[in-house]
C-alpha atoms as a PDB file:
ATOM      1  CA  UNK A   1      11.032  12.931  10.942  1.00  0.00           C
ATOM      2  CA  UNK A   2      13.034  11.716  13.971  1.00  0.00           C
ATOM      3  CA  UNK A   3      10.128  11.635  16.416  1.00  0.00           C
ATOM      4  CA  UNK A   4       9.681   7.858  16.703  1.00  0.00           C
ATOM      5  CA  UNK A   5      13.352   7.103  17.195  1.00  0.00           C
ATOM      6  CA  UNK A   6      13.756   9.926  19.688  1.00  0.00           C
ATOM      7  CA  UNK A   7      10.744   8.652  21.620  1.00  0.00           C
ATOM      8  CA  UNK A   8      12.139   5.123  21.574  1.00  0.00           C
ATOM      9  CA  UNK A   9      15.360   6.470  23.064  1.00  0.00           C
ATOM     10  CA  UNK A  10      13.487   8.487  25.741  1.00  0.00           C
ATOM     11  CA  UNK A  11      14.758  11.823  24.446  1.00  0.00           C
ATOM     12  CA  UNK A  12      13.337  14.671  26.526  1.00  0.00           C
ATOM     13  CA  UNK A  13      11.821  16.593  23.569  1.00  0.00           C
ATOM     14  CA  UNK A  14      11.106  14.210  20.674  1.00  0.00           C
ATOM     15  CA  UNK A  15       8.374  16.371  19.132  1.00  0.00           C
ATOM     16  CA  UNK A  16      10.253  19.669  19.238  1.00  0.00           C
ATOM     17  CA  UNK A  17      13.767  18.578  18.324  1.00  0.00           C
ATOM     18  CA  UNK A  18      15.301  20.847  15.668  1.00  0.00           C
ATOM     19  CA  UNK A  19      18.567  19.580  14.227  1.00  0.00           C
ATOM     20  CA  UNK A  20      19.099  22.883  12.396  1.00  0.00           C
ATOM     21  CA  UNK A  21      19.488  24.730  15.694  1.00  0.00           C
ATOM     22  CA  UNK A  22      23.240  24.590  16.265  1.00  0.00           C
ATOM     23  CA  UNK A  23      23.178  24.642  20.077  1.00  0.00           C
ATOM     24  CA  UNK A  24      20.373  22.104  20.301  1.00  0.00           C
ATOM     25  CA  UNK A  25      22.114  19.904  17.744  1.00  0.00           C
ATOM     26  CA  UNK A  26      25.425  19.901  19.635  1.00  0.00           C
ATOM     27  CA  UNK A  27      23.733  19.161  22.956  1.00  0.00           C
ATOM     28  CA  UNK A  28      21.828  16.339  21.285  1.00  0.00           C
ATOM     29  CA  UNK A  29      25.042  14.764  19.959  1.00  0.00           C
ATOM     30  CA  UNK A  30      26.595  14.908  23.434  1.00  0.00           C
ATOM     31  CA  UNK A  31      23.466  13.324  24.962  1.00  0.00           C
ATOM     32  CA  UNK A  32      23.410  10.622  22.298  1.00  0.00           C
ATOM     33  CA  UNK A  33      27.051   9.675  22.889  1.00  0.00           C
ATOM     34  CA  UNK A  34      26.850   9.903  26.693  1.00  0.00           C
ATOM     35  CA  UNK A  35      23.570   8.042  27.114  1.00  0.00           C
ATOM     36  CA  UNK A  36      23.132   5.691  24.162  1.00  0.00           C
ATOM     37  CA  UNK A  37      26.048   5.132  21.808  1.00  0.00           C
ATOM     38  CA  UNK A  38      28.969   5.372  24.282  1.00  0.00           C
ATOM     39  CA  UNK A  39      31.591   4.813  21.597  1.00  0.00           C
ATOM     40  CA  UNK A  40      34.228   6.837  23.473  1.00  0.00           C
ATOM     41  CA  UNK A  41      35.452   6.258  26.990  1.00  0.00           C
ATOM     42  CA  UNK A  42      34.188   8.905  29.401  1.00  0.00           C
ATOM     43  CA  UNK A  43      37.562  10.596  29.594  1.00  0.00           C
ATOM     44  CA  UNK A  44      37.745  10.844  25.804  1.00  0.00           C
ATOM     45  CA  UNK A  45      34.465  12.755  25.377  1.00  0.00           C
ATOM     46  CA  UNK A  46      35.820  16.142  26.449  1.00  0.00           C
ATOM     47  CA  UNK A  47      36.168  17.673  22.984  1.00  0.00           C
ATOM     48  CA  UNK A  48      32.697  16.540  22.003  1.00  0.00           C
ATOM     49  CA  UNK A  49      31.193  17.895  25.222  1.00  0.00           C
ATOM     50  CA  UNK A  50      32.795  21.307  24.716  1.00  0.00           C
ATOM     51  CA  UNK A  51      29.939  22.519  22.523  1.00  0.00           C
ATOM     52  CA  UNK A  52      31.010  26.184  22.684  1.00  0.00           C
ATOM     53  CA  UNK A  53      34.453  25.519  21.217  1.00  0.00           C
ATOM     54  CA  UNK A  54      35.270  26.773  17.723  1.00  0.00           C
ATOM     55  CA  UNK A  55      36.846  23.376  17.085  1.00  0.00           C
ATOM     56  CA  UNK A  56      33.675  21.459  17.890  1.00  0.00           C
ATOM     57  CA  UNK A  57      32.844  20.790  14.199  1.00  0.00           C
ATOM     58  CA  UNK A  58      36.256  19.139  13.795  1.00  0.00           C
ATOM     59  CA  UNK A  59      35.656  17.039  16.905  1.00  0.00           C
ATOM     60  CA  UNK A  60      32.248  16.011  15.605  1.00  0.00           C
ATOM     61  CA  UNK A  61      33.655  15.170  12.166  1.00  0.00           C
ATOM     62  CA  UNK A  62      36.236  12.930  13.860  1.00  0.00           C
ATOM     63  CA  UNK A  63      33.462  11.340  15.893  1.00  0.00           C
ATOM     64  CA  UNK A  64      31.527  10.569  12.710  1.00  0.00           C
ATOM     65  CA  UNK A  65      34.554   8.849  11.248  1.00  0.00           C
ATOM     66  CA  UNK A  66      35.143   6.903  14.453  1.00  0.00           C
ATOM     67  CA  UNK A  67      31.611   5.500  14.453  1.00  0.00           C
ATOM     68  CA  UNK A  68      31.830   4.856  10.673  1.00  0.00           C
ATOM     69  CA  UNK A  69      29.025   7.229   9.751  1.00  0.00           C
ATOM     70  CA  UNK A  70      28.780   7.202   5.926  1.00  0.00           C
ATOM     71  CA  UNK A  71      27.517  10.779   5.598  1.00  0.00           C
ATOM     72  CA  UNK A  72      29.337  14.095   5.474  1.00  0.00           C
ATOM     73  CA  UNK A  73      29.083  16.701   8.206  1.00  0.00           C
ATOM     74  CA  UNK A  74      27.051  18.951   5.884  1.00  0.00           C
ATOM     75  CA  UNK A  75      24.386  16.240   5.513  1.00  0.00           C
ATOM     76  CA  UNK A  76      22.940  16.919   8.936  1.00  0.00           C
ATOM     77  CA  UNK A  77      19.534  15.263   8.635  1.00  0.00           C
ATOM     78  CA  UNK A  78      21.022  12.087   7.167  1.00  0.00           C
ATOM     79  CA  UNK A  79      23.698  12.056   9.876  1.00  0.00           C
ATOM     80  CA  UNK A  80      21.176  12.487  12.696  1.00  0.00           C
ATOM     81  CA  UNK A  81      18.972   9.766  11.263  1.00  0.00           C
ATOM     82  CA  UNK A  82      21.929   7.385  10.938  1.00  0.00           C
ATOM     83  CA  UNK A  83      23.171   8.072  14.473  1.00  0.00           C
ATOM     84  CA  UNK A  84      19.655   7.565  15.841  1.00  0.00           C
ATOM     85  CA  UNK A  85      19.460   4.239  14.027  1.00  0.00           C
ATOM     86  CA  UNK A  86      22.779   3.214  15.526  1.00  0.00           C
ATOM     87  CA  UNK A  87      21.602   4.254  18.998  1.00  0.00           C
ATOM     88  CA  UNK A  88      18.344   2.301  18.628  1.00  0.00           C
ATOM     89  CA  UNK A  89      20.230  -0.834  17.620  1.00  0.00           C
ATOM     90  CA  UNK A  90      22.616  -0.473  20.545  1.00  0.00           C
ATOM     91  CA  UNK A  91      19.745   0.210  22.929  1.00  0.00           C
ATOM     92  CA  UNK A  92      17.935  -2.882  21.707  1.00  0.00           C
ATOM     93  CA  UNK A  93      21.101  -4.953  22.056  1.00  0.00           C
ATOM     94  CA  UNK A  94      21.538  -3.799  25.642  1.00  0.00           C
ATOM     95  CA  UNK A  95      17.916  -4.644  26.482  1.00  0.00           C
ATOM     96  CA  UNK A  96      17.194  -7.594  24.201  1.00  0.00           C
ATOM     97  CA  UNK A  97      15.400  -9.603  26.899  1.00  0.00           C
ATOM     98  CA  UNK A  98      13.141  -6.655  27.639  1.00  0.00           C
ATOM     99  CA  UNK A  99      11.977  -6.143  24.055  1.00  0.00           C
ATOM    100  CA  UNK A 100      12.108  -9.566  22.430  1.00  0.00           C
ATOM    101  CA  UNK A 101       8.556 -10.546  23.387  1.00  0.00           C
ATOM    102  CA  UNK A 102       6.960  -7.099  23.188  1.00  0.00           C
ATOM    103  CA  UNK A 103       4.641  -6.060  20.374  1.00  0.00           C
ATOM    104  CA  UNK A 104       1.988  -3.350  19.833  1.00  0.00           C
ATOM    105  CA  UNK A 105      -1.650  -4.191  20.510  1.00  0.00           C
ATOM    106  CA  UNK A 106      -3.103  -6.133  17.620  1.00  0.00           C
ATOM    107  CA  UNK A 107       0.239  -6.397  15.860  1.00  0.00           C
ATOM    108  CA  UNK A 108       0.346 -10.187  15.936  1.00  0.00           C
ATOM    109  CA  UNK A 109      -3.118 -10.482  14.388  1.00  0.00           C
ATOM    110  CA  UNK A 110      -2.287  -7.995  11.629  1.00  0.00           C
ATOM    111  CA  UNK A 111       1.249  -9.223  10.970  1.00  0.00           C
ATOM    112  CA  UNK A 112       0.525 -11.447   7.983  1.00  0.00           C
ATOM    113  CA  UNK A 113      -1.854  -8.908   6.465  1.00  0.00           C
ATOM    114  CA  UNK A 114       0.727  -6.142   6.784  1.00  0.00           C
ATOM    115  CA  UNK A 115       3.420  -8.250   5.148  1.00  0.00           C
ATOM    116  CA  UNK A 116       1.183  -9.038   2.190  1.00  0.00           C
ATOM    117  CA  UNK A 117      -0.010  -5.450   1.836  1.00  0.00           C
ATOM    118  CA  UNK A 118       3.418  -3.820   2.078  1.00  0.00           C
ATOM    119  CA  UNK A 119       6.463  -5.806   0.895  1.00  0.00           C
ATOM    120  CA  UNK A 120       8.827  -3.025   2.052  1.00  0.00           C
ATOM    121  CA  UNK A 121       7.737  -3.142   5.699  1.00  0.00           C
ATOM    122  CA  UNK A 122      10.707  -5.223   6.872  1.00  0.00           C
ATOM    123  CA  UNK A 123      13.408  -3.058   5.333  1.00  0.00           C
ATOM    124  CA  UNK A 124      16.113  -1.707   7.628  1.00  0.00           C
ATOM    125  CA  UNK A 125      16.074   1.902   6.443  1.00  0.00           C
ATOM    126  CA  UNK A 126      18.964   2.760   8.747  1.00  0.00           C
ATOM    127  CA  UNK A 127      21.347   0.480   6.914  1.00  0.00           C
ATOM    128  CA  UNK A 128      23.996   2.651   5.162  1.00  0.00           C
ATOM    129  CA  UNK A 129      24.110   0.268   2.179  1.00  0.00           C
ATOM    130  CA  UNK A 130      20.352   0.582   1.770  1.00  0.00           C
ATOM    131  CA  UNK A 131      20.509   4.381   1.845  1.00  0.00           C
ATOM    132  CA  UNK A 132      23.402   4.503  -0.611  1.00  0.00           C
ATOM    133  CA  UNK A 133      21.564   2.173  -2.998  1.00  0.00           C
ATOM    134  CA  UNK A 134      18.332   4.158  -2.872  1.00  0.00           C
ATOM    135  CA  UNK A 135      20.171   7.447  -3.396  1.00  0.00           C
ATOM    136  CA  UNK A 136      22.084   6.042  -6.377  1.00  0.00           C
ATOM    137  CA  UNK A 137      18.865   4.800  -7.995  1.00  0.00           C
ATOM    138  CA  UNK A 138      17.063   8.073  -7.300  1.00  0.00           C
ATOM    139  CA  UNK A 139      19.867  10.040  -8.938  1.00  0.00           C
ATOM    140  CA  UNK A 140      19.922   7.677 -11.910  1.00  0.00           C
ATOM    141  CA  UNK A 141      16.157   7.931 -12.414  1.00  0.00           C
ATOM    142  CA  UNK A 142      16.099  11.684 -11.615  1.00  0.00           C
ATOM    143  CA  UNK A 143      13.656  11.223  -8.734  1.00  0.00           C
ATOM    144  CA  UNK A 144      13.367  14.126  -6.322  1.00  0.00           C
ATOM    145  CA  UNK A 145      15.256  13.663  -3.058  1.00  0.00           C
ATOM    146  CA  UNK A 146      13.233  13.056   0.102  1.00  0.00           C
ATOM    147  CA  UNK A 147      14.215  12.879   3.769  1.00  0.00           C
ATOM    148  CA  UNK A 148      12.532   9.484   4.092  1.00  0.00           C
ATOM    149  CA  UNK A 149      14.484   6.882   2.117  1.00  0.00           C
ATOM    150  CA  UNK A 150      11.535   4.502   2.191  1.00  0.00           C
ATOM    151  CA  UNK A 151       9.416   7.100   0.400  1.00  0.00           C
ATOM    152  CA  UNK A 152      12.107   7.444  -2.260  1.00  0.00           C
ATOM    153  CA  UNK A 153      12.232   3.666  -2.678  1.00  0.00           C
ATOM    154  CA  UNK A 154       8.464   3.539  -3.172  1.00  0.00           C
ATOM    155  CA  UNK A 155       8.759   6.246  -5.837  1.00  0.00           C
ATOM    156  CA  UNK A 156      11.459   4.214  -7.575  1.00  0.00           C
ATOM    157  CA  UNK A 157       9.278   1.121  -7.460  1.00  0.00           C
ATOM    158  CA  UNK A 158       6.327   2.980  -8.998  1.00  0.00           C
ATOM    159  CA  UNK A 159       8.489   4.387 -11.783  1.00  0.00           C
ATOM    160  CA  UNK A 160       9.959   0.976 -12.558  1.00  0.00           C
ATOM    161  CA  UNK A 161       6.543  -0.670 -12.592  1.00  0.00           C
ATOM    162  CA  UNK A 162       5.061   1.944 -14.915  1.00  0.00           C
ATOM    163  CA  UNK A 163       7.923   2.496 -17.351  1.00  0.00           C
ATOM    164  CA  UNK A 164      10.468  -0.304 -16.986  1.00  0.00           C
ATOM    165  CA  UNK A 165       8.390  -3.468 -16.910  1.00  0.00           C
ATOM    166  CA  UNK A 166       9.623  -6.670 -18.526  1.00  0.00           C
ATOM    167  CA  UNK A 167       7.190  -6.163 -21.427  1.00  0.00           C
ATOM    168  CA  UNK A 168       8.506  -2.657 -22.077  1.00  0.00           C
ATOM    169  CA  UNK A 169      12.109  -3.852 -21.971  1.00  0.00           C
ATOM    170  CA  UNK A 170      11.333  -6.814 -24.229  1.00  0.00           C
ATOM    171  CA  UNK A 171       9.669  -4.509 -26.723  1.00  0.00           C
ATOM    172  CA  UNK A 172      12.633  -2.149 -26.698  1.00  0.00           C
ATOM    173  CA  UNK A 173      14.984  -5.095 -27.237  1.00  0.00           C
ATOM    174  CA  UNK A 174      13.225  -6.409 -30.317  1.00  0.00           C
ATOM    175  CA  UNK A 175      15.483  -6.535 -33.358  1.00  0.00           C
ATOM    176  CA  UNK A 176      14.581  -4.307 -36.276  1.00  0.00           C
ATOM    177  CA  UNK A 177      17.078  -5.691 -38.758  1.00  0.00           C
ATOM    178  CA  UNK A 178      16.000  -5.522 -42.382  1.00  0.00           C
ATOM    179  CA  UNK A 179      13.795  -2.453 -42.028  1.00  0.00           C
ATOM    180  CA  UNK A 180      14.454   0.067 -44.815  1.00  0.00           C
ATOM    181  CA  UNK A 181      15.759   3.487 -43.793  1.00  0.00           C
ATOM    182  CA  UNK A 182      15.163   6.611 -45.831  1.00  0.00           C
ATOM    183  CA  UNK A 183      18.407   8.516 -45.401  1.00  0.00           C
ATOM    184  CA  UNK A 184      17.002  11.640 -47.036  1.00  0.00           C
ATOM    185  CA  UNK A 185      14.596  12.031 -44.086  1.00  0.00           C
ATOM    186  CA  UNK A 186      17.479  12.206 -41.581  1.00  0.00           C
ATOM    187  CA  UNK A 187      19.183  15.585 -41.543  1.00  0.00           C
ATOM    188  CA  UNK A 188      22.941  15.302 -41.078  1.00  0.00           C
ATOM    189  CA  UNK A 189      23.418  18.832 -39.811  1.00  0.00           C
ATOM    190  CA  UNK A 190      26.518  19.572 -41.859  1.00  0.00           C
ATOM    191  CA  UNK A 191      27.784  19.199 -45.437  1.00  0.00           C
ATOM    192  CA  UNK A 192      31.141  17.680 -46.343  1.00  0.00           C
ATOM    193  CA  UNK A 193      30.833  18.722 -49.966  1.00  0.00           C
ATOM    194  CA  UNK A 194      30.746  15.109 -51.135  1.00  0.00           C
ATOM    195  CA  UNK A 195      27.418  13.267 -51.518  1.00  0.00           C
ATOM    196  CA  UNK A 196      28.980   9.841 -50.852  1.00  0.00           C
ATOM    197  CA  UNK A 197      30.694  11.012 -47.663  1.00  0.00           C
ATOM    198  CA  UNK A 198      27.490  12.717 -46.540  1.00  0.00           C
ATOM    199  CA  UNK A 199      25.595   9.447 -46.945  1.00  0.00           C
ATOM    200  CA  UNK A 200      28.279   7.506 -45.063  1.00  0.00           C
ATOM    201  CA  UNK A 201      28.109  10.043 -42.223  1.00  0.00           C
ATOM    202  CA  UNK A 202      24.336   9.655 -42.031  1.00  0.00           C
ATOM    203  CA  UNK A 203      24.688   5.880 -41.777  1.00  0.00           C
ATOM    204  CA  UNK A 204      27.316   6.162 -39.013  1.00  0.00           C
ATOM    205  CA  UNK A 205      25.085   8.546 -37.120  1.00  0.00           C
ATOM    206  CA  UNK A 206      22.109   6.181 -37.295  1.00  0.00           C
ATOM    207  CA  UNK A 207      24.270   3.273 -36.148  1.00  0.00           C
ATOM    208  CA  UNK A 208      25.469   5.341 -33.193  1.00  0.00           C
ATOM    209  CA  UNK A 209      21.888   6.144 -32.202  1.00  0.00           C
ATOM    210  CA  UNK A 210      21.039   2.430 -32.324  1.00  0.00           C
ATOM    211  CA  UNK A 211      23.998   1.630 -30.050  1.00  0.00           C
ATOM    212  CA  UNK A 212      22.799   4.247 -27.568  1.00  0.00           C
ATOM    213  CA  UNK A 213      19.341   2.645 -27.547  1.00  0.00           C
ATOM    214  CA  UNK A 214      20.861  -0.768 -26.831  1.00  0.00           C
ATOM    215  CA  UNK A 215      22.895   0.757 -23.997  1.00  0.00           C
ATOM    216  CA  UNK A 216      19.777   2.347 -22.508  1.00  0.00           C
ATOM    217  CA  UNK A 217      17.994  -1.012 -22.660  1.00  0.00           C
ATOM    218  CA  UNK A 218      20.837  -2.655 -20.729  1.00  0.00           C
ATOM    219  CA  UNK A 219      20.733   0.153 -18.162  1.00  0.00           C
ATOM    220  CA  UNK A 220      16.988  -0.381 -17.758  1.00  0.00           C
ATOM    221  CA  UNK A 221      17.528  -4.090 -17.206  1.00  0.00           C
ATOM    222  CA  UNK A 222      20.159  -3.348 -14.563  1.00  0.00           C
ATOM    223  CA  UNK A 223      17.805  -0.948 -12.777  1.00  0.00           C
ATOM    224  CA  UNK A 224      15.055  -3.555 -12.675  1.00  0.00           C
ATOM    225  CA  UNK A 225      17.468  -6.150 -11.296  1.00  0.00           C
ATOM    226  CA  UNK A 226      18.747  -3.817  -8.558  1.00  0.00           C
ATOM    227  CA  UNK A 227      15.206  -2.765  -7.664  1.00  0.00           C
ATOM    228  CA  UNK A 228      14.203  -6.391  -7.263  1.00  0.00           C
ATOM    229  CA  UNK A 229      17.097  -6.958  -4.862  1.00  0.00           C
ATOM    230  CA  UNK A 230      16.385  -3.848  -2.782  1.00  0.00           C
ATOM    231  CA  UNK A 231      12.646  -4.471  -2.649  1.00  0.00           C
ATOM    232  CA  UNK A 232      13.079  -7.927  -1.111  1.00  0.00           C
ATOM    233  CA  UNK A 233      16.254  -7.936   1.013  1.00  0.00           C
ATOM    234  CA  UNK A 234      17.311 -10.498   3.568  1.00  0.00           C
ATOM    235  CA  UNK A 235      17.049  -8.410   6.685  1.00  0.00           C
ATOM    236  CA  UNK A 236      17.838  -9.160  10.270  1.00  0.00           C
ATOM    237  CA  UNK A 237      14.375  -9.313  11.826  1.00  0.00           C
ATOM    238  CA  UNK A 238      15.899  -8.903  15.281  1.00  0.00           C
ATOM    239  CA  UNK A 239      16.335  -5.238  14.444  1.00  0.00           C
ATOM    240  CA  UNK A 240      12.564  -4.738  14.457  1.00  0.00           C
ATOM    241  CA  UNK A 241      10.166  -3.478  11.821  1.00  0.00           C
ATOM    242  CA  UNK A 242      10.261  -0.235   9.930  1.00  0.00           C
ATOM    243  CA  UNK A 243       7.472   2.194  10.658  1.00  0.00           C
ATOM    244  CA  UNK A 244       6.298   0.522  13.840  1.00  0.00           C
END
């Protein structure tokens, strides 16, 4: 999943990189800081370079905080992806003149077609705010987690289009005042010993259910609004295009 970014950064083994291998992972972090990110001064990289130290995880956790990585040390894939995104942006910034006019063969001719065919193509999937937003929506909608945040966003979009359209929300919001309710068909689940109190409890229960439905409708509306914002963000096109 990191192959393209590793290749863009001239990593020596982009196809075979395994972030779950502890030694390979630590060496990769050292290479990334030494060659691409360079957040620390050279003399301050000693703890990070000492990959055989028992305290290396603490040094790496401090490094994550220093570069403002939003993920926890246990979230290794997300951390690697975020650090690679940071390195790519820094690499591009250092070589802006080299890359500003470059484009793949045929990209200019297909640019407008690609934009029309895929509205998510210009998203910056390395943006921490984007990742946090997608994860929050996925958890809310109970969508299975995926390593590719763009894939999760597409799943969210499909779910919203199929189940949370404006027509569906409008239908759910329609008032049903004046409709008769047969209380005897709604089982209370307990008996107070008084028929009047039992009836009052049934009414309160039905009113509570109606309030929950209204709350769900408002939640659906909020989800649609957030999805609309995420699906069409104002991105910095100087950062390049996702998936290219």
